[in-house]
């Protein structure tokens, strides 16, 4: 009988020790989980910093020269070099309404919005690509915004608008696509 009382006493003591260890473990875990909350913004996300720097570069390119209003064709020519794309010769009947640089895949793309007599308002996006390929004008079949895309050299193009895709394809084929001059292998480092 004495042995049974002794075992109960030892088990009661062990329960207290196990409970103490469990409370310490729970406290330690709670402390680890709340570290980011207690830092209150002291750490910055590296991807946010990179995105913010890209946004600054895009804003600076879009702002352009400080003097007066920059003609749309001059802005296109300035931005073509800055974002390293080729721009097709736009049809003379297009009335360019807006020219912007937009971030794209860690780089920048040139976005030109114009009014056309044949298909209404359209947007042409020119984006730099890694490969030097030739892809003929092709209609996107995802059922979203009507889009025709193609690639010439190191630049890919997307022509989008509210017109039927076959009409956009006709418009895209009429655009003379200029290929990049002086294409050299890209060196990273």
N, C-alpha and C. Protein backbone atom coordinates (compact mmCIF):
# COMPACT_ATOMS: atom_id res chain seq x y z
N UNK A 1 0.81 -1.18 0.00
CA UNK A 1 0.00 0.00 0.00
C UNK A 1 0.87 1.26 0.00
N UNK A 2 1.98 1.20 0.73
CA UNK A 2 2.89 2.35 0.73
C UNK A 2 3.44 2.61 -0.66
N UNK A 3 3.74 1.56 -1.38
CA UNK A 3 4.25 1.69 -2.76
C UNK A 3 3.25 2.39 -3.66
N UNK A 4 1.99 2.09 -3.53
CA UNK A 4 0.96 2.72 -4.35
C UNK A 4 0.86 4.20 -4.04
N UNK A 5 0.94 4.58 -2.76
CA UNK A 5 0.90 6.00 -2.40
C UNK A 5 2.13 6.74 -2.93
N UNK A 6 3.28 6.08 -2.87
CA UNK A 6 4.52 6.69 -3.36
C UNK A 6 4.42 6.93 -4.88
N UNK A 7 3.90 5.96 -5.64
CA UNK A 7 3.76 6.11 -7.09
C UNK A 7 2.80 7.24 -7.43
N UNK A 8 1.72 7.35 -6.69
CA UNK A 8 0.77 8.45 -6.93
C UNK A 8 1.43 9.79 -6.68
N UNK A 9 2.25 9.87 -5.66
CA UNK A 9 2.95 11.12 -5.33
C UNK A 9 3.95 11.46 -6.44
N UNK A 10 4.66 10.47 -6.95
CA UNK A 10 5.63 10.70 -8.03
C UNK A 10 4.89 11.12 -9.31
N UNK A 11 3.77 10.45 -9.61
CA UNK A 11 3.00 10.82 -10.80
C UNK A 11 2.45 12.24 -10.68
N UNK A 12 2.00 12.64 -9.53
CA UNK A 12 1.50 14.00 -9.33
C UNK A 12 2.62 15.01 -9.55
N UNK A 13 3.83 14.71 -9.05
CA UNK A 13 4.98 15.58 -9.25
C UNK A 13 5.34 15.67 -10.73
N UNK A 14 5.32 14.54 -11.42
CA UNK A 14 5.64 14.54 -12.85
C UNK A 14 4.61 15.33 -13.65
N UNK A 15 3.33 15.25 -13.26
CA UNK A 15 2.31 16.02 -13.95
C UNK A 15 2.59 17.51 -13.87
N UNK A 16 3.01 17.97 -12.71
CA UNK A 16 3.34 19.39 -12.55
C UNK A 16 4.52 19.77 -13.44
N UNK A 17 5.51 18.93 -13.50
CA UNK A 17 6.69 19.23 -14.33
C UNK A 17 6.33 19.21 -15.83
N UNK A 18 5.54 18.26 -16.26
CA UNK A 18 5.11 18.19 -17.66
C UNK A 18 4.28 19.42 -18.00
N UNK A 19 3.40 19.83 -17.10
CA UNK A 19 2.59 21.03 -17.33
C UNK A 19 3.47 22.26 -17.44
N UNK A 20 4.51 22.37 -16.60
CA UNK A 20 5.43 23.51 -16.66
C UNK A 20 6.17 23.53 -18.00
N UNK A 21 6.66 22.38 -18.43
CA UNK A 21 7.36 22.30 -19.72
C UNK A 21 6.41 22.67 -20.87
N UNK A 22 5.16 22.21 -20.82
CA UNK A 22 4.18 22.52 -21.86
C UNK A 22 3.89 24.02 -21.90
N UNK A 23 3.76 24.65 -20.74
CA UNK A 23 3.51 26.10 -20.71
C UNK A 23 4.69 26.88 -21.28
N UNK A 24 5.92 26.45 -20.96
CA UNK A 24 7.10 27.13 -21.51
C UNK A 24 7.12 26.97 -23.03
N UNK A 25 6.83 25.78 -23.55
CA UNK A 25 6.82 25.54 -24.99
C UNK A 25 5.75 26.39 -25.68
N UNK A 26 4.56 26.47 -25.08
CA UNK A 26 3.48 27.28 -25.66
C UNK A 26 3.89 28.76 -25.66
N UNK A 27 4.50 29.23 -24.60
CA UNK A 27 4.96 30.62 -24.54
C UNK A 27 6.02 30.91 -25.57
N UNK A 28 6.94 29.99 -25.73
CA UNK A 28 8.01 30.16 -26.71
C UNK A 28 7.42 30.22 -28.13
N UNK A 29 6.50 29.35 -28.43
CA UNK A 29 5.85 29.34 -29.74
C UNK A 29 5.08 30.62 -29.99
N UNK A 30 4.34 31.07 -28.99
CA UNK A 30 3.57 32.31 -29.14
C UNK A 30 4.50 33.49 -29.37
N UNK A 31 5.62 33.51 -28.70
CA UNK A 31 6.60 34.57 -28.88
C UNK A 31 7.13 34.56 -30.32
N UNK A 32 7.46 33.38 -30.83
CA UNK A 32 7.99 33.26 -32.19
C UNK A 32 6.96 33.69 -33.23
N UNK A 33 5.70 33.35 -33.01
CA UNK A 33 4.67 33.69 -33.97
C UNK A 33 4.34 35.17 -33.99
N UNK A 34 4.54 35.87 -32.88
CA UNK A 34 4.17 37.28 -32.82
C UNK A 34 5.32 38.23 -33.11
N UNK A 35 6.52 37.73 -33.41
CA UNK A 35 7.66 38.61 -33.71
C UNK A 35 7.34 39.56 -34.86
N UNK A 36 6.80 39.08 -36.01
CA UNK A 36 6.50 40.02 -37.10
C UNK A 36 5.49 41.09 -36.69
N UNK A 37 4.54 40.73 -35.84
CA UNK A 37 3.54 41.72 -35.41
C UNK A 37 4.16 42.78 -34.52
N UNK A 38 5.09 42.37 -33.69
CA UNK A 38 5.71 43.32 -32.78
C UNK A 38 6.71 44.23 -33.46
N UNK A 39 7.24 43.81 -34.62
CA UNK A 39 8.21 44.65 -35.31
C UNK A 39 7.53 45.83 -35.99
N UNK A 40 6.25 45.72 -36.27
CA UNK A 40 5.46 46.85 -36.76
C UNK A 40 6.00 47.53 -38.00
N UNK A 41 6.36 46.78 -39.02
CA UNK A 41 6.80 47.39 -40.27
C UNK A 41 8.28 47.70 -40.32
N UNK A 42 9.05 47.24 -39.37
CA UNK A 42 10.48 47.50 -39.39
C UNK A 42 11.17 46.76 -40.52
N UNK A 43 10.62 45.64 -40.93
CA UNK A 43 11.20 44.90 -42.04
C UNK A 43 10.40 45.20 -43.29
N UNK A 44 11.09 45.27 -44.41
CA UNK A 44 10.42 45.54 -45.68
C UNK A 44 10.55 44.31 -46.57
N UNK A 45 9.52 44.03 -47.30
CA UNK A 45 9.51 42.92 -48.22
C UNK A 45 10.40 43.29 -49.41
N UNK A 46 11.36 42.44 -49.73
CA UNK A 46 12.30 42.71 -50.81
C UNK A 46 11.57 42.85 -52.15
N UNK A 47 10.52 42.06 -52.39
CA UNK A 47 9.80 42.18 -53.65
C UNK A 47 9.05 43.50 -53.73
N UNK A 48 8.58 43.99 -52.58
CA UNK A 48 7.92 45.30 -52.58
C UNK A 48 8.91 46.39 -52.96
N UNK A 49 10.12 46.32 -52.42
CA UNK A 49 11.13 47.33 -52.72
C UNK A 49 11.46 47.32 -54.21
N UNK A 50 11.63 46.14 -54.79
CA UNK A 50 11.91 46.05 -56.22
C UNK A 50 10.75 46.58 -57.05
N UNK A 51 9.52 46.25 -56.65
CA UNK A 51 8.34 46.75 -57.37
C UNK A 51 8.23 48.27 -57.26
N UNK A 52 8.55 48.80 -56.10
CA UNK A 52 8.50 50.25 -55.92
C UNK A 52 9.53 50.94 -56.81
N UNK A 53 10.71 50.36 -56.92
CA UNK A 53 11.74 50.93 -57.80
C UNK A 53 11.32 50.85 -59.25
N UNK A 54 10.69 49.74 -59.65
CA UNK A 54 10.17 49.62 -61.01
C UNK A 54 9.09 50.68 -61.26
N UNK A 55 8.22 50.88 -60.28
CA UNK A 55 7.16 51.88 -60.41
C UNK A 55 7.75 53.28 -60.57
N UNK A 56 8.82 53.57 -59.85
CA UNK A 56 9.49 54.87 -59.98
C UNK A 56 10.05 55.03 -61.38
N UNK A 57 10.71 54.00 -61.89
CA UNK A 57 11.27 54.08 -63.25
C UNK A 57 10.16 54.29 -64.27
N UNK A 58 9.06 53.57 -64.14
CA UNK A 58 7.93 53.72 -65.06
C UNK A 58 7.37 55.13 -64.97
N UNK A 59 7.20 55.64 -63.77
CA UNK A 59 6.67 57.00 -63.59
C UNK A 59 7.60 58.04 -64.21
N UNK A 60 8.90 57.85 -64.05
CA UNK A 60 9.86 58.79 -64.64
C UNK A 60 9.81 58.74 -66.17
N UNK A 61 9.70 57.54 -66.74
CA UNK A 61 9.60 57.43 -68.19
C UNK A 61 8.31 58.05 -68.71
N UNK A 62 7.20 57.81 -68.01
CA UNK A 62 5.92 58.37 -68.43
C UNK A 62 5.90 59.89 -68.33
N UNK A 63 6.60 60.44 -67.34
CA UNK A 63 6.58 61.89 -67.13
C UNK A 63 7.26 62.61 -68.29
N UNK A 64 8.39 62.10 -68.73
CA UNK A 64 9.08 62.69 -69.87
C UNK A 64 9.66 64.05 -69.58
N UNK A 65 9.88 64.81 -70.64
CA UNK A 65 10.49 66.13 -70.48
C UNK A 65 9.60 67.07 -69.66
N UNK A 66 10.23 67.97 -68.97
CA UNK A 66 9.49 68.91 -68.11
C UNK A 66 8.85 70.05 -68.90
N UNK A 67 9.31 70.30 -70.09
CA UNK A 67 8.80 71.45 -70.84
C UNK A 67 7.52 71.11 -71.60
N UNK A 68 6.51 71.82 -71.37
CA UNK A 68 5.27 71.72 -72.14
C UNK A 68 4.74 70.32 -72.37
N UNK A 69 3.87 70.23 -73.35
CA UNK A 69 3.24 68.95 -73.70
C UNK A 69 4.09 68.31 -74.80
N UNK A 70 4.46 67.07 -74.57
CA UNK A 70 5.28 66.34 -75.53
C UNK A 70 4.38 65.74 -76.61
N UNK A 71 4.68 65.99 -77.89
CA UNK A 71 3.88 65.36 -78.95
C UNK A 71 3.93 63.83 -78.83
N UNK A 72 2.81 63.19 -79.16
CA UNK A 72 2.70 61.73 -78.99
C UNK A 72 3.77 60.97 -79.75
N UNK A 73 4.05 61.37 -81.00
CA UNK A 73 5.06 60.66 -81.79
C UNK A 73 6.44 60.81 -81.17
N UNK A 74 6.76 61.99 -80.63
CA UNK A 74 8.04 62.18 -79.95
C UNK A 74 8.14 61.31 -78.71
N UNK A 75 7.03 61.18 -77.99
CA UNK A 75 7.02 60.34 -76.79
C UNK A 75 7.23 58.88 -77.17
N UNK A 76 6.58 58.44 -78.25
CA UNK A 76 6.77 57.06 -78.71
C UNK A 76 8.25 56.82 -79.03
N UNK A 77 8.85 57.72 -79.78
CA UNK A 77 10.26 57.56 -80.17
C UNK A 77 11.17 57.56 -78.95
N UNK A 78 10.90 58.42 -77.98
CA UNK A 78 11.73 58.47 -76.77
C UNK A 78 11.59 57.18 -75.97
N UNK A 79 10.37 56.69 -75.83
CA UNK A 79 10.14 55.51 -75.01
C UNK A 79 10.57 54.21 -75.67
N UNK A 80 10.54 54.15 -77.00
CA UNK A 80 10.99 52.95 -77.71
C UNK A 80 12.43 52.63 -77.31
N UNK A 81 13.29 53.63 -77.28
CA UNK A 81 14.68 53.42 -76.88
C UNK A 81 14.82 53.11 -75.41
N UNK A 82 14.01 53.74 -74.61
CA UNK A 82 14.12 53.56 -73.16
C UNK A 82 13.70 52.17 -72.71
N UNK A 83 12.70 51.58 -73.35
CA UNK A 83 12.22 50.26 -72.93
C UNK A 83 12.76 49.14 -73.81
N UNK A 84 13.58 49.48 -74.81
CA UNK A 84 14.27 48.50 -75.65
C UNK A 84 13.30 47.61 -76.43
N UNK A 85 12.39 48.26 -77.14
CA UNK A 85 11.47 47.54 -78.02
C UNK A 85 11.52 48.19 -79.40
N UNK A 86 11.03 47.47 -80.39
CA UNK A 86 10.83 48.04 -81.72
C UNK A 86 9.35 48.39 -81.81
N UNK A 87 9.06 49.45 -82.49
CA UNK A 87 7.66 49.84 -82.65
C UNK A 87 7.35 49.84 -84.14
N UNK A 88 6.25 49.17 -84.51
CA UNK A 88 5.88 49.17 -85.93
C UNK A 88 5.48 50.57 -86.36
N UNK A 89 5.59 50.80 -87.64
CA UNK A 89 5.12 52.06 -88.19
C UNK A 89 3.60 52.06 -88.09
N UNK A 90 3.07 53.01 -87.35
CA UNK A 90 1.63 53.07 -87.14
C UNK A 90 0.96 53.67 -88.37
N UNK A 91 -0.20 53.14 -88.77
CA UNK A 91 -0.91 53.71 -89.91
C UNK A 91 -1.22 55.19 -89.69
N UNK A 92 -1.14 55.95 -90.76
CA UNK A 92 -1.35 57.40 -90.65
C UNK A 92 -2.77 57.77 -90.24
N UNK A 93 -3.73 56.85 -90.43
CA UNK A 93 -5.12 57.16 -90.06
C UNK A 93 -5.38 56.96 -88.57
N UNK A 94 -4.42 56.35 -87.86
CA UNK A 94 -4.58 56.18 -86.42
C UNK A 94 -4.37 57.53 -85.73
N UNK A 95 -5.23 57.84 -84.78
CA UNK A 95 -5.08 59.05 -83.96
C UNK A 95 -4.66 58.58 -82.57
N UNK A 96 -3.38 58.78 -82.27
CA UNK A 96 -2.84 58.30 -80.99
C UNK A 96 -3.39 59.17 -79.87
N UNK A 97 -4.02 58.51 -78.89
CA UNK A 97 -4.62 59.20 -77.76
C UNK A 97 -3.75 59.17 -76.51
N UNK A 98 -2.99 58.08 -76.34
CA UNK A 98 -2.20 57.95 -75.12
C UNK A 98 -1.01 57.04 -75.39
N UNK A 99 0.10 57.36 -74.74
CA UNK A 99 1.32 56.56 -74.81
C UNK A 99 1.82 56.41 -73.38
N UNK A 100 1.98 55.18 -72.93
CA UNK A 100 2.41 54.92 -71.56
C UNK A 100 3.42 53.78 -71.52
N UNK A 101 4.22 53.78 -70.48
CA UNK A 101 5.08 52.65 -70.17
C UNK A 101 4.41 51.92 -69.03
N UNK A 102 4.38 50.58 -69.12
CA UNK A 102 3.79 49.76 -68.07
C UNK A 102 4.79 48.67 -67.68
N UNK A 103 4.84 48.33 -66.40
CA UNK A 103 5.73 47.24 -66.00
C UNK A 103 5.26 45.92 -66.62
N UNK A 104 6.23 45.11 -67.02
CA UNK A 104 5.89 43.83 -67.61
C UNK A 104 7.03 42.85 -67.38
N UNK A 105 6.77 41.81 -66.62
CA UNK A 105 7.69 40.70 -66.45
C UNK A 105 9.09 41.15 -66.03
N UNK A 106 9.16 42.09 -65.12
CA UNK A 106 10.45 42.60 -64.64
C UNK A 106 11.07 43.63 -65.58
N UNK A 107 10.40 43.96 -66.65
CA UNK A 107 10.88 44.95 -67.62
C UNK A 107 9.76 45.97 -67.82
N UNK A 108 9.85 46.72 -68.90
CA UNK A 108 8.78 47.67 -69.21
C UNK A 108 8.27 47.40 -70.62
N UNK A 109 6.99 47.66 -70.81
CA UNK A 109 6.38 47.56 -72.14
C UNK A 109 5.85 48.93 -72.53
N UNK A 110 5.70 49.13 -73.82
CA UNK A 110 5.15 50.38 -74.34
C UNK A 110 3.71 50.12 -74.75
N UNK A 111 2.79 50.96 -74.26
CA UNK A 111 1.36 50.79 -74.51
C UNK A 111 0.86 52.04 -75.24
N UNK A 112 0.36 51.84 -76.46
CA UNK A 112 -0.15 52.94 -77.28
C UNK A 112 -1.64 52.71 -77.50
N UNK A 113 -2.44 53.71 -77.14
CA UNK A 113 -3.88 53.66 -77.36
C UNK A 113 -4.22 54.64 -78.47
N UNK A 114 -5.01 54.18 -79.45
CA UNK A 114 -5.32 55.03 -80.60
C UNK A 114 -6.76 54.79 -81.04
N UNK A 115 -7.31 55.79 -81.72
CA UNK A 115 -8.61 55.65 -82.37
C UNK A 115 -8.35 55.36 -83.84
N UNK A 116 -9.06 54.37 -84.38
CA UNK A 116 -8.90 54.00 -85.78
C UNK A 116 -10.25 54.08 -86.47
N UNK A 117 -10.26 54.42 -87.77
CA UNK A 117 -11.55 54.49 -88.47
C UNK A 117 -12.16 53.11 -88.72
N UNK A 118 -11.33 52.07 -88.77
CA UNK A 118 -11.84 50.75 -89.13
C UNK A 118 -12.32 49.91 -87.95
N UNK A 119 -11.66 49.99 -86.80
CA UNK A 119 -12.03 49.14 -85.66
C UNK A 119 -12.26 49.92 -84.37
N UNK A 120 -12.29 51.22 -84.44
CA UNK A 120 -12.53 52.02 -83.24
C UNK A 120 -11.28 52.14 -82.37
N UNK A 121 -11.48 52.24 -81.07
CA UNK A 121 -10.35 52.40 -80.13
C UNK A 121 -9.62 51.07 -79.97
N UNK A 122 -8.30 51.12 -80.12
CA UNK A 122 -7.47 49.93 -79.96
C UNK A 122 -6.28 50.26 -79.07
N UNK A 123 -5.66 49.23 -78.55
CA UNK A 123 -4.45 49.38 -77.76
C UNK A 123 -3.40 48.44 -78.32
N UNK A 124 -2.22 48.98 -78.57
CA UNK A 124 -1.10 48.18 -79.05
C UNK A 124 -0.05 48.15 -77.95
N UNK A 125 0.34 46.94 -77.55
CA UNK A 125 1.36 46.76 -76.52
C UNK A 125 2.58 46.16 -77.20
N UNK A 126 3.75 46.77 -76.95
CA UNK A 126 5.03 46.25 -77.45
C UNK A 126 5.88 45.93 -76.23
N UNK A 127 6.32 44.67 -76.13
CA UNK A 127 7.08 44.24 -74.95
C UNK A 127 8.35 43.51 -75.39
N UNK A 128 9.45 43.74 -74.67
CA UNK A 128 10.69 43.05 -75.00
C UNK A 128 10.61 41.57 -74.63
N UNK A 129 11.18 40.73 -75.48
CA UNK A 129 11.19 39.29 -75.25
C UNK A 129 12.65 38.82 -75.16
N UNK A 130 12.86 37.67 -74.56
CA UNK A 130 14.21 37.13 -74.43
C UNK A 130 14.71 36.53 -75.74
N UNK A 131 13.84 35.92 -76.51
CA UNK A 131 14.25 35.27 -77.75
C UNK A 131 14.00 36.13 -78.96
N UNK A 132 14.70 35.82 -80.03
CA UNK A 132 14.53 36.52 -81.30
C UNK A 132 13.71 35.63 -82.22
N UNK A 133 12.39 35.64 -82.07
CA UNK A 133 11.52 34.76 -82.82
C UNK A 133 10.67 35.53 -83.82
N UNK A 134 10.03 34.78 -84.71
CA UNK A 134 9.07 35.35 -85.64
C UNK A 134 7.76 34.57 -85.49
N UNK A 135 6.73 35.26 -85.03
CA UNK A 135 5.40 34.65 -84.86
C UNK A 135 4.43 35.51 -85.66
N UNK A 136 3.69 34.93 -86.58
CA UNK A 136 2.74 35.73 -87.37
C UNK A 136 1.56 36.19 -86.51
N UNK A 137 0.83 37.21 -86.96
CA UNK A 137 -0.35 37.64 -86.20
C UNK A 137 -1.30 36.47 -85.95
N UNK A 138 -1.61 36.25 -84.67
CA UNK A 138 -2.41 35.12 -84.23
C UNK A 138 -3.49 35.61 -83.28
N UNK A 139 -4.69 35.11 -83.45
CA UNK A 139 -5.80 35.51 -82.59
C UNK A 139 -5.77 34.72 -81.29
N UNK A 140 -5.88 35.42 -80.16
CA UNK A 140 -5.97 34.76 -78.86
C UNK A 140 -7.35 34.12 -78.75
N UNK A 141 -7.39 32.90 -78.24
CA UNK A 141 -8.66 32.17 -78.20
C UNK A 141 -9.18 31.94 -76.79
N UNK A 142 -8.77 32.79 -75.84
CA UNK A 142 -9.19 32.56 -74.46
C UNK A 142 -10.57 33.14 -74.15
N UNK A 143 -11.19 33.83 -75.11
CA UNK A 143 -12.54 34.33 -74.90
C UNK A 143 -12.62 35.61 -74.10
N UNK A 144 -11.51 36.20 -73.77
CA UNK A 144 -11.53 37.46 -73.00
C UNK A 144 -11.51 38.63 -73.97
N UNK A 145 -10.73 39.65 -73.68
CA UNK A 145 -10.64 40.82 -74.55
C UNK A 145 -10.11 40.38 -75.91
N UNK A 146 -10.78 40.75 -77.01
CA UNK A 146 -10.28 40.38 -78.33
C UNK A 146 -8.84 40.86 -78.51
N UNK A 147 -7.96 39.91 -78.85
CA UNK A 147 -6.53 40.21 -78.93
C UNK A 147 -5.90 39.45 -80.09
N UNK A 148 -5.01 40.14 -80.80
CA UNK A 148 -4.17 39.52 -81.81
C UNK A 148 -2.74 39.79 -81.39
N UNK A 149 -1.92 38.74 -81.37
CA UNK A 149 -0.53 38.90 -80.95
C UNK A 149 0.41 38.38 -82.02
N UNK A 150 1.63 38.91 -82.01
CA UNK A 150 2.67 38.43 -82.90
C UNK A 150 4.01 38.83 -82.32
N UNK A 151 5.08 38.28 -82.89
CA UNK A 151 6.43 38.63 -82.44
C UNK A 151 7.31 38.81 -83.66
N UNK A 152 8.14 39.82 -83.60
CA UNK A 152 9.11 40.07 -84.65
C UNK A 152 10.43 40.41 -83.97
N UNK A 153 11.40 39.52 -84.12
CA UNK A 153 12.68 39.74 -83.46
C UNK A 153 12.51 39.64 -81.96
N UNK A 154 13.06 40.59 -81.25
CA UNK A 154 13.02 40.58 -79.79
C UNK A 154 11.85 41.32 -79.19
N UNK A 155 10.85 41.66 -80.00
CA UNK A 155 9.68 42.39 -79.49
C UNK A 155 8.41 41.61 -79.80
N UNK A 156 7.55 41.48 -78.80
CA UNK A 156 6.24 40.87 -78.98
C UNK A 156 5.20 41.98 -78.96
N UNK A 157 4.13 41.79 -79.71
CA UNK A 157 3.08 42.79 -79.84
C UNK A 157 1.73 42.16 -79.54
N UNK A 158 0.84 42.95 -78.98
CA UNK A 158 -0.55 42.54 -78.77
C UNK A 158 -1.42 43.72 -79.17
N UNK A 159 -2.35 43.46 -80.07
CA UNK A 159 -3.30 44.47 -80.52
C UNK A 159 -4.66 44.08 -79.94
N UNK A 160 -5.24 44.97 -79.14
CA UNK A 160 -6.48 44.67 -78.43
C UNK A 160 -7.52 45.75 -78.69
N UNK A 161 -8.77 45.35 -78.67
CA UNK A 161 -9.85 46.30 -78.85
C UNK A 161 -11.18 45.61 -78.71
N UNK A 162 -12.24 46.36 -78.97
CA UNK A 162 -13.58 45.78 -78.82
C UNK A 162 -14.09 45.18 -80.13
N UNK A 163 -13.33 45.34 -81.21
CA UNK A 163 -13.75 44.78 -82.50
C UNK A 163 -13.59 43.27 -82.51
N UNK A 164 -14.19 42.64 -83.47
CA UNK A 164 -14.09 41.19 -83.62
C UNK A 164 -12.63 40.81 -83.89
N UNK A 165 -12.20 39.67 -83.38
CA UNK A 165 -10.80 39.26 -83.55
C UNK A 165 -10.34 39.21 -85.00
N UNK A 166 -11.22 38.78 -85.92
CA UNK A 166 -10.79 38.73 -87.32
C UNK A 166 -10.53 40.12 -87.89
N UNK A 167 -11.29 41.12 -87.43
CA UNK A 167 -11.04 42.50 -87.88
C UNK A 167 -9.74 43.04 -87.27
N UNK A 168 -9.46 42.66 -86.02
CA UNK A 168 -8.19 43.06 -85.41
C UNK A 168 -7.01 42.40 -86.13
N UNK A 169 -7.20 41.16 -86.57
CA UNK A 169 -6.13 40.46 -87.28
C UNK A 169 -5.82 41.15 -88.61
N UNK A 170 -6.85 41.59 -89.30
CA UNK A 170 -6.64 42.33 -90.55
C UNK A 170 -5.85 43.61 -90.27
N UNK A 171 -6.22 44.30 -89.19
CA UNK A 171 -5.53 45.54 -88.81
C UNK A 171 -4.06 45.25 -88.47
N UNK A 172 -3.82 44.17 -87.73
CA UNK A 172 -2.46 43.81 -87.33
C UNK A 172 -1.60 43.49 -88.55
N UNK A 173 -2.17 42.81 -89.53
CA UNK A 173 -1.41 42.45 -90.73
C UNK A 173 -1.06 43.67 -91.57
N UNK A 174 -1.84 44.74 -91.43
CA UNK A 174 -1.55 45.96 -92.18
C UNK A 174 -0.42 46.77 -91.57
N UNK A 175 -0.10 46.48 -90.31
CA UNK A 175 0.97 47.22 -89.64
C UNK A 175 2.31 46.66 -90.09
N UNK A 176 3.16 47.55 -90.52
CA UNK A 176 4.50 47.11 -90.91
C UNK A 176 5.33 46.98 -89.63
N UNK A 177 5.76 45.77 -89.32
CA UNK A 177 6.49 45.52 -88.08
C UNK A 177 7.98 45.72 -88.34
N UNK A 178 8.55 46.68 -87.64
CA UNK A 178 9.98 46.93 -87.76
C UNK A 178 10.72 46.02 -86.79
N UNK A 179 11.78 45.40 -87.25
CA UNK A 179 12.57 44.56 -86.35
C UNK A 179 13.67 45.41 -85.73
N UNK A 180 14.15 44.95 -84.58
CA UNK A 180 15.22 45.69 -83.90
C UNK A 180 16.48 45.70 -84.74
N UNK A 181 17.12 46.83 -84.73
CA UNK A 181 18.40 46.95 -85.42
C UNK A 181 19.52 46.71 -84.40
N UNK A 182 20.63 46.27 -84.90
CA UNK A 182 21.82 46.05 -84.07
C UNK A 182 21.52 45.11 -82.89
N UNK A 183 20.90 44.01 -83.19
CA UNK A 183 20.61 43.06 -82.14
C UNK A 183 21.88 42.33 -81.78
N UNK A 184 22.25 42.42 -80.52
CA UNK A 184 23.45 41.74 -80.04
C UNK A 184 23.04 40.80 -78.93
N UNK A 185 23.82 39.76 -78.71
CA UNK A 185 23.49 38.86 -77.60
C UNK A 185 23.42 39.63 -76.29
N UNK A 186 22.44 39.31 -75.49
CA UNK A 186 22.28 40.00 -74.20
C UNK A 186 23.24 39.40 -73.19
N UNK A 187 23.95 40.26 -72.50
CA UNK A 187 24.87 39.82 -71.47
C UNK A 187 24.31 40.21 -70.13
N UNK A 188 24.18 39.23 -69.26
CA UNK A 188 23.69 39.52 -67.91
C UNK A 188 24.86 39.46 -66.95
N UNK A 189 24.83 40.33 -65.99
CA UNK A 189 25.90 40.25 -65.02
C UNK A 189 25.97 41.41 -64.22
